[in-house]
Amino acid sequence: MKNHSEDEGYTVAEMPPTTGRQRRSVWKSLFEECRGYPGQWRRTARSFSPGSAAQCASDIRNAHHREPGLMRMRGLLPGEVWEAVWGRDPNGSDPGRCFIWLRLVSSDKGAESDSSPVLRMVPSDTAIEYAW
């Protein structure tokens, strides 16, 4: 292994490799699927770490407050309002993994959901509480 000298620097100017294909956002596909069930709660099939689940649910809930060009998640459309919560694995098979429940509440087309359960996180055990 060669020792580093100050004259060599720490980086080299070089373009990154190209893969030749565009990666499709999983979120875009997820939101497209959920739009087919407006007003219905849907749970992600994929699990997340608690921190990721909390951040993603927050980003989904607050996306309608952001400028369209500044949205953090691909696939959310301007004018859409989503509800989203996160919670532990409902089967309890992996207590370290969490899921996100989401539903499209309204869109710029005025599609309002006809059911209005309120979901909120219960801080003590991070279980989901349903209030009808």
N, C-alpha and C. Protein backbone atom coordinates (compact mmCIF):
# COMPACT_ATOMS: atom_id res chain seq x y z
N MET A 1 0.85 -1.18 0.00
CA MET A 1 0.00 0.00 0.00
C MET A 1 0.89 1.24 0.00
N LYS A 2 0.59 2.16 -0.86
CA LYS A 2 1.39 3.36 -1.03
C LYS A 2 0.98 4.41 -0.01
N ASN A 3 1.94 5.08 0.59
CA ASN A 3 1.64 6.16 1.52
C ASN A 3 1.19 7.39 0.76
N HIS A 4 0.30 8.14 1.36
CA HIS A 4 -0.24 9.34 0.76
C HIS A 4 0.68 10.52 1.03
N SER A 5 0.94 11.31 0.03
CA SER A 5 1.68 12.55 0.24
C SER A 5 0.74 13.70 -0.08
N GLU A 6 1.01 14.86 0.49
CA GLU A 6 0.13 16.01 0.33
C GLU A 6 0.01 16.44 -1.13
N ASP A 7 1.03 16.18 -1.95
CA ASP A 7 1.00 16.60 -3.35
C ASP A 7 0.03 15.75 -4.18
N GLU A 8 -0.29 14.56 -3.73
CA GLU A 8 -1.15 13.66 -4.50
C GLU A 8 -2.63 14.01 -4.41
N GLY A 9 -3.08 14.60 -3.33
CA GLY A 9 -4.49 14.90 -3.15
C GLY A 9 -5.28 13.68 -2.69
N TYR A 10 -6.55 13.89 -2.48
CA TYR A 10 -7.41 12.82 -1.99
C TYR A 10 -8.40 12.34 -3.03
N THR A 11 -8.55 13.06 -4.12
CA THR A 11 -9.50 12.67 -5.16
C THR A 11 -8.87 12.81 -6.53
N VAL A 12 -9.50 12.21 -7.50
CA VAL A 12 -9.08 12.29 -8.88
C VAL A 12 -10.28 12.71 -9.70
N ALA A 13 -10.12 13.66 -10.61
CA ALA A 13 -11.23 14.10 -11.46
C ALA A 13 -11.60 12.96 -12.40
N GLU A 14 -12.86 12.52 -12.33
CA GLU A 14 -13.30 11.42 -13.18
C GLU A 14 -14.83 11.35 -13.16
N MET A 15 -15.42 11.08 -14.32
CA MET A 15 -16.86 10.94 -14.42
C MET A 15 -17.28 9.58 -13.84
N PRO A 16 -18.46 9.50 -13.20
CA PRO A 16 -18.92 8.22 -12.65
C PRO A 16 -19.31 7.26 -13.77
N PRO A 17 -19.33 5.97 -13.49
CA PRO A 17 -19.73 5.00 -14.52
C PRO A 17 -21.22 5.14 -14.83
N THR A 18 -21.60 4.80 -16.04
CA THR A 18 -23.01 4.85 -16.42
C THR A 18 -23.53 3.43 -16.52
N THR A 19 -24.77 3.24 -16.11
CA THR A 19 -25.36 1.91 -16.13
C THR A 19 -26.17 1.67 -17.40
N GLY A 20 -26.59 2.74 -18.05
CA GLY A 20 -27.35 2.60 -19.27
C GLY A 20 -28.84 2.39 -19.07
N ARG A 21 -29.31 2.24 -17.82
CA ARG A 21 -30.74 2.09 -17.59
C ARG A 21 -31.16 2.97 -16.43
N GLN A 22 -32.39 3.41 -16.48
CA GLN A 22 -32.94 4.24 -15.42
C GLN A 22 -33.63 3.35 -14.39
N ARG A 23 -33.40 3.62 -13.14
CA ARG A 23 -34.06 2.88 -12.08
C ARG A 23 -35.46 3.44 -11.87
N ARG A 24 -36.45 2.58 -11.82
CA ARG A 24 -37.83 3.01 -11.59
C ARG A 24 -38.06 3.08 -10.09
N SER A 25 -38.68 4.17 -9.65
CA SER A 25 -38.94 4.37 -8.23
C SER A 25 -40.00 3.39 -7.74
N VAL A 26 -39.70 2.70 -6.67
CA VAL A 26 -40.68 1.82 -6.04
C VAL A 26 -41.84 2.65 -5.51
N TRP A 27 -41.54 3.85 -5.02
CA TRP A 27 -42.59 4.70 -4.48
C TRP A 27 -43.58 5.09 -5.56
N LYS A 28 -43.09 5.39 -6.75
CA LYS A 28 -44.00 5.76 -7.83
C LYS A 28 -44.99 4.63 -8.11
N SER A 29 -44.51 3.41 -8.17
CA SER A 29 -45.38 2.25 -8.38
C SER A 29 -46.35 2.06 -7.22
N LEU A 30 -45.87 2.26 -5.99
CA LEU A 30 -46.72 2.11 -4.81
C LEU A 30 -47.86 3.12 -4.83
N PHE A 31 -47.55 4.39 -5.13
CA PHE A 31 -48.60 5.41 -5.17
C PHE A 31 -49.59 5.15 -6.31
N GLU A 32 -49.09 4.70 -7.45
CA GLU A 32 -49.99 4.36 -8.56
C GLU A 32 -50.97 3.27 -8.14
N GLU A 33 -50.46 2.25 -7.46
CA GLU A 33 -51.32 1.16 -6.99
C GLU A 33 -52.37 1.68 -6.01
N CYS A 34 -51.95 2.49 -5.05
CA CYS A 34 -52.88 3.02 -4.04
C CYS A 34 -53.95 3.93 -4.65
N ARG A 35 -53.61 4.62 -5.73
CA ARG A 35 -54.61 5.46 -6.39
C ARG A 35 -55.78 4.63 -6.93
N GLY A 36 -55.54 3.37 -7.18
CA GLY A 36 -56.61 2.48 -7.63
C GLY A 36 -57.59 2.13 -6.53
N TYR A 37 -57.27 2.49 -5.29
CA TYR A 37 -58.10 2.22 -4.13
C TYR A 37 -58.28 3.49 -3.30
N PRO A 38 -58.83 4.56 -3.90
CA PRO A 38 -58.93 5.84 -3.16
C PRO A 38 -59.76 5.67 -1.90
N GLY A 39 -59.26 6.24 -0.81
CA GLY A 39 -59.97 6.20 0.46
C GLY A 39 -59.75 4.92 1.25
N GLN A 40 -59.11 3.93 0.68
CA GLN A 40 -58.89 2.64 1.36
C GLN A 40 -57.49 2.61 1.96
N TRP A 41 -57.41 2.18 3.21
CA TRP A 41 -56.11 2.01 3.84
C TRP A 41 -55.38 0.85 3.21
N ARG A 42 -54.10 1.06 2.88
CA ARG A 42 -53.25 0.03 2.30
C ARG A 42 -51.97 -0.04 3.12
N ARG A 43 -51.45 -1.26 3.35
CA ARG A 43 -50.20 -1.43 4.08
C ARG A 43 -49.11 -1.80 3.09
N THR A 44 -47.94 -1.23 3.29
CA THR A 44 -46.81 -1.59 2.42
C THR A 44 -46.48 -3.06 2.62
N ALA A 45 -46.13 -3.74 1.54
CA ALA A 45 -45.72 -5.13 1.64
C ALA A 45 -44.29 -5.21 2.19
N ARG A 46 -43.51 -4.20 1.91
CA ARG A 46 -42.12 -4.13 2.37
C ARG A 46 -42.06 -3.56 3.78
N SER A 47 -41.19 -4.11 4.61
CA SER A 47 -41.01 -3.57 5.95
C SER A 47 -39.83 -2.58 5.95
N PHE A 48 -39.78 -1.77 6.99
CA PHE A 48 -38.78 -0.72 7.13
C PHE A 48 -38.23 -0.73 8.55
N SER A 49 -37.10 -0.08 8.73
CA SER A 49 -36.62 0.17 10.09
C SER A 49 -37.56 1.21 10.69
N PRO A 50 -37.66 1.29 12.02
CA PRO A 50 -38.56 2.28 12.62
C PRO A 50 -38.28 3.71 12.16
N GLY A 51 -37.01 4.08 12.08
CA GLY A 51 -36.67 5.44 11.66
C GLY A 51 -37.09 5.74 10.23
N SER A 52 -36.85 4.78 9.33
CA SER A 52 -37.25 4.97 7.93
C SER A 52 -38.76 5.02 7.79
N ALA A 53 -39.46 4.14 8.50
CA ALA A 53 -40.93 4.12 8.44
C ALA A 53 -41.50 5.45 8.94
N ALA A 54 -40.98 5.96 10.03
CA ALA A 54 -41.46 7.23 10.58
C ALA A 54 -41.21 8.37 9.61
N GLN A 55 -40.02 8.43 9.02
CA GLN A 55 -39.68 9.51 8.10
C GLN A 55 -40.52 9.43 6.83
N CYS A 56 -40.68 8.24 6.27
CA CYS A 56 -41.47 8.08 5.04
C CYS A 56 -42.93 8.44 5.28
N ALA A 57 -43.50 7.98 6.39
CA ALA A 57 -44.90 8.31 6.70
C ALA A 57 -45.07 9.82 6.84
N SER A 58 -44.12 10.47 7.48
CA SER A 58 -44.17 11.93 7.64
C SER A 58 -44.07 12.62 6.28
N ASP A 59 -43.17 12.16 5.43
CA ASP A 59 -43.02 12.76 4.10
C ASP A 59 -44.30 12.61 3.28
N ILE A 60 -44.95 11.45 3.37
CA ILE A 60 -46.20 11.23 2.63
C ILE A 60 -47.30 12.15 3.15
N ARG A 61 -47.45 12.22 4.48
CA ARG A 61 -48.49 13.06 5.09
C ARG A 61 -48.32 14.53 4.74
N ASN A 62 -47.09 14.99 4.66
CA ASN A 62 -46.82 16.42 4.49
C ASN A 62 -46.48 16.83 3.06
N ALA A 63 -46.55 15.91 2.14
CA ALA A 63 -46.16 16.21 0.75
C ALA A 63 -47.00 17.33 0.14
N HIS A 64 -48.28 17.41 0.50
CA HIS A 64 -49.13 18.44 -0.10
C HIS A 64 -48.76 19.86 0.34
N HIS A 65 -47.91 19.97 1.36
CA HIS A 65 -47.43 21.29 1.81
C HIS A 65 -46.19 21.73 1.05
N ARG A 66 -45.56 20.83 0.32
CA ARG A 66 -44.31 21.12 -0.37
C ARG A 66 -44.56 21.59 -1.80
N GLU A 67 -43.62 22.36 -2.30
CA GLU A 67 -43.63 22.72 -3.71
C GLU A 67 -43.43 21.45 -4.52
N PRO A 68 -44.13 21.28 -5.65
CA PRO A 68 -44.00 20.05 -6.44
C PRO A 68 -42.56 19.68 -6.79
N GLY A 69 -41.73 20.64 -7.08
CA GLY A 69 -40.34 20.35 -7.44
C GLY A 69 -39.47 19.97 -6.26
N LEU A 70 -39.98 20.14 -5.04
CA LEU A 70 -39.19 19.86 -3.84
C LEU A 70 -39.67 18.63 -3.08
N MET A 71 -40.56 17.85 -3.69
CA MET A 71 -41.08 16.66 -3.00
C MET A 71 -39.95 15.67 -2.80
N ARG A 72 -39.96 15.02 -1.64
CA ARG A 72 -38.90 14.07 -1.30
C ARG A 72 -39.14 12.70 -1.93
N MET A 73 -40.37 12.37 -2.24
CA MET A 73 -40.69 11.04 -2.76
C MET A 73 -41.21 11.14 -4.17
N ARG A 74 -40.74 10.26 -5.03
CA ARG A 74 -41.22 10.23 -6.40
C ARG A 74 -42.61 9.60 -6.45
N GLY A 75 -43.42 10.11 -7.36
CA GLY A 75 -44.73 9.51 -7.56
C GLY A 75 -45.88 10.24 -6.91
N LEU A 76 -45.61 11.16 -6.00
CA LEU A 76 -46.68 11.96 -5.41
C LEU A 76 -47.02 13.08 -6.38
N LEU A 77 -48.31 13.30 -6.58
CA LEU A 77 -48.74 14.31 -7.54
C LEU A 77 -49.21 15.57 -6.83
N PRO A 78 -49.01 16.73 -7.46
CA PRO A 78 -49.48 17.99 -6.86
C PRO A 78 -50.98 17.93 -6.60
N GLY A 79 -51.39 18.43 -5.45
CA GLY A 79 -52.81 18.47 -5.10
C GLY A 79 -53.31 17.24 -4.36
N GLU A 80 -52.51 16.19 -4.31
CA GLU A 80 -52.94 14.99 -3.59
C GLU A 80 -52.71 15.16 -2.09
N VAL A 81 -53.67 14.67 -1.31
CA VAL A 81 -53.54 14.64 0.14
C VAL A 81 -53.60 13.18 0.56
N TRP A 82 -52.58 12.76 1.28
CA TRP A 82 -52.48 11.39 1.76
C TRP A 82 -52.45 11.37 3.27
N GLU A 83 -53.01 10.32 3.85
CA GLU A 83 -52.81 10.03 5.26
C GLU A 83 -51.83 8.88 5.33
N ALA A 84 -50.96 8.90 6.30
CA ALA A 84 -49.98 7.83 6.45
C ALA A 84 -49.58 7.72 7.91
N VAL A 85 -49.47 6.49 8.37
CA VAL A 85 -48.98 6.19 9.72
C VAL A 85 -48.04 5.00 9.61
N TRP A 86 -47.27 4.80 10.63
CA TRP A 86 -46.36 3.66 10.65
C TRP A 86 -46.54 2.92 11.95
N GLY A 87 -46.19 1.66 11.95
CA GLY A 87 -46.31 0.85 13.16
C GLY A 87 -45.51 -0.43 13.03
N ARG A 88 -45.41 -1.13 14.12
CA ARG A 88 -44.66 -2.39 14.18
C ARG A 88 -45.34 -3.46 13.34
N ASP A 89 -44.61 -4.50 13.07
CA ASP A 89 -45.11 -5.66 12.33
C ASP A 89 -46.39 -6.16 13.00
N PRO A 90 -47.54 -6.16 12.29
CA PRO A 90 -48.80 -6.55 12.92
C PRO A 90 -48.81 -8.01 13.37
N ASN A 91 -47.98 -8.85 12.78
CA ASN A 91 -47.92 -10.26 13.18
C ASN A 91 -46.93 -10.47 14.31
N GLY A 92 -46.16 -9.47 14.63
CA GLY A 92 -45.18 -9.58 15.71
C GLY A 92 -44.02 -10.50 15.39
N SER A 93 -43.87 -10.87 14.12
CA SER A 93 -42.81 -11.81 13.76
C SER A 93 -41.42 -11.18 13.82
N ASP A 94 -41.34 -9.88 13.61
CA ASP A 94 -40.05 -9.19 13.68
C ASP A 94 -40.26 -7.83 14.34
N PRO A 95 -40.08 -7.75 15.66
CA PRO A 95 -40.37 -6.50 16.37
C PRO A 95 -39.50 -5.32 15.96
N GLY A 96 -38.40 -5.58 15.27
CA GLY A 96 -37.53 -4.50 14.82
C GLY A 96 -37.92 -3.91 13.49
N ARG A 97 -38.93 -4.46 12.85
CA ARG A 97 -39.36 -3.99 11.53
C ARG A 97 -40.74 -3.34 11.64
N CYS A 98 -40.98 -2.36 10.76
CA CYS A 98 -42.22 -1.61 10.77
C CYS A 98 -42.80 -1.53 9.37
N PHE A 99 -44.06 -1.17 9.30
CA PHE A 99 -44.76 -1.00 8.04
C PHE A 99 -45.39 0.38 7.99
N ILE A 100 -45.81 0.78 6.80
CA ILE A 100 -46.49 2.06 6.61
C ILE A 100 -47.88 1.76 6.09
N TRP A 101 -48.88 2.38 6.69
CA TRP A 101 -50.26 2.32 6.21
C TRP A 101 -50.56 3.68 5.60
N LEU A 102 -51.14 3.68 4.41
CA LEU A 102 -51.43 4.95 3.75
C LEU A 102 -52.72 4.85 2.96
N ARG A 103 -53.29 6.01 2.70
CA ARG A 103 -54.47 6.08 1.85
C ARG A 103 -54.54 7.45 1.21
N LEU A 104 -55.07 7.47 0.00
CA LEU A 104 -55.29 8.72 -0.72
C LEU A 104 -56.59 9.32 -0.20
N VAL A 105 -56.50 10.51 0.36
CA VAL A 105 -57.67 11.19 0.91
C VAL A 105 -58.34 12.01 -0.17
N SER A 106 -57.55 12.78 -0.92
CA SER A 106 -58.11 13.58 -2.01
C SER A 106 -57.03 13.88 -3.03
N SER A 107 -57.47 14.23 -4.21
CA SER A 107 -56.54 14.60 -5.26
C SER A 107 -57.02 15.91 -5.87
N ASP A 108 -56.27 16.42 -6.83
CA ASP A 108 -56.67 17.67 -7.46
C ASP A 108 -57.96 17.51 -8.25
N LYS A 109 -58.40 16.26 -8.46
CA LYS A 109 -59.67 16.01 -9.15
C LYS A 109 -60.83 16.06 -8.18
N GLY A 110 -60.55 16.28 -6.88
CA GLY A 110 -61.61 16.40 -5.90
C GLY A 110 -62.11 15.08 -5.35
N ALA A 111 -61.41 14.01 -5.59
CA ALA A 111 -61.85 12.70 -5.10
C ALA A 111 -61.61 12.61 -3.60
N GLU A 112 -62.64 12.77 -2.84
CA GLU A 112 -62.55 12.68 -1.39
C GLU A 112 -62.92 11.28 -0.95
N SER A 113 -62.27 10.80 0.09
CA SER A 113 -62.63 9.48 0.60
C SER A 113 -63.94 9.57 1.36
N ASP A 114 -64.73 8.50 1.35
CA ASP A 114 -66.01 8.53 2.03
C ASP A 114 -65.94 7.99 3.45
N SER A 115 -64.83 7.40 3.84
CA SER A 115 -64.67 6.95 5.22
C SER A 115 -63.58 7.79 5.87
N SER A 116 -63.72 8.00 7.15
CA SER A 116 -62.75 8.89 7.78
C SER A 116 -62.23 8.36 9.11
N PRO A 117 -61.67 7.16 9.15
CA PRO A 117 -61.03 6.77 10.41
C PRO A 117 -59.79 7.60 10.64
N VAL A 118 -59.54 7.92 11.88
CA VAL A 118 -58.36 8.70 12.23
C VAL A 118 -57.35 7.74 12.82
N LEU A 119 -56.14 7.75 12.29
CA LEU A 119 -55.06 6.91 12.81
C LEU A 119 -54.02 7.80 13.45
N ARG A 120 -53.50 7.38 14.57
CA ARG A 120 -52.41 8.13 15.17
C ARG A 120 -51.49 7.15 15.88
N MET A 121 -50.25 7.56 16.03
CA MET A 121 -49.29 6.71 16.72
C MET A 121 -49.47 6.89 18.22
N VAL A 122 -49.39 5.80 18.95
CA VAL A 122 -49.44 5.83 20.40
C VAL A 122 -48.00 5.73 20.87
N PRO A 123 -47.45 6.81 21.44
CA PRO A 123 -46.02 6.85 21.74
C PRO A 123 -45.53 5.74 22.66
N SER A 124 -46.34 5.26 23.57
CA SER A 124 -45.84 4.30 24.55
C SER A 124 -45.43 2.98 23.94
N ASP A 125 -46.18 2.48 22.96
CA ASP A 125 -45.83 1.18 22.40
C ASP A 125 -45.80 1.18 20.88
N THR A 126 -45.92 2.32 20.28
CA THR A 126 -45.92 2.52 18.83
C THR A 126 -46.95 1.66 18.11
N ALA A 127 -47.99 1.24 18.82
CA ALA A 127 -49.08 0.52 18.16
C ALA A 127 -49.96 1.52 17.44
N ILE A 128 -50.69 1.07 16.48
CA ILE A 128 -51.60 1.95 15.77
C ILE A 128 -52.96 1.91 16.47
N GLU A 129 -53.49 3.07 16.74
CA GLU A 129 -54.79 3.16 17.36
C GLU A 129 -55.79 3.65 16.33
N TYR A 130 -56.88 2.93 16.17
CA TYR A 130 -57.92 3.30 15.22
C TYR A 130 -59.03 4.01 15.99
N ALA A 131 -59.39 5.20 15.56
CA ALA A 131 -60.48 5.95 16.16
C ALA A 131 -61.55 6.17 15.11
N TRP A 132 -62.72 5.64 15.31
CA TRP A 132 -63.79 5.75 14.29
C TRP A 132 -64.79 6.80 14.68
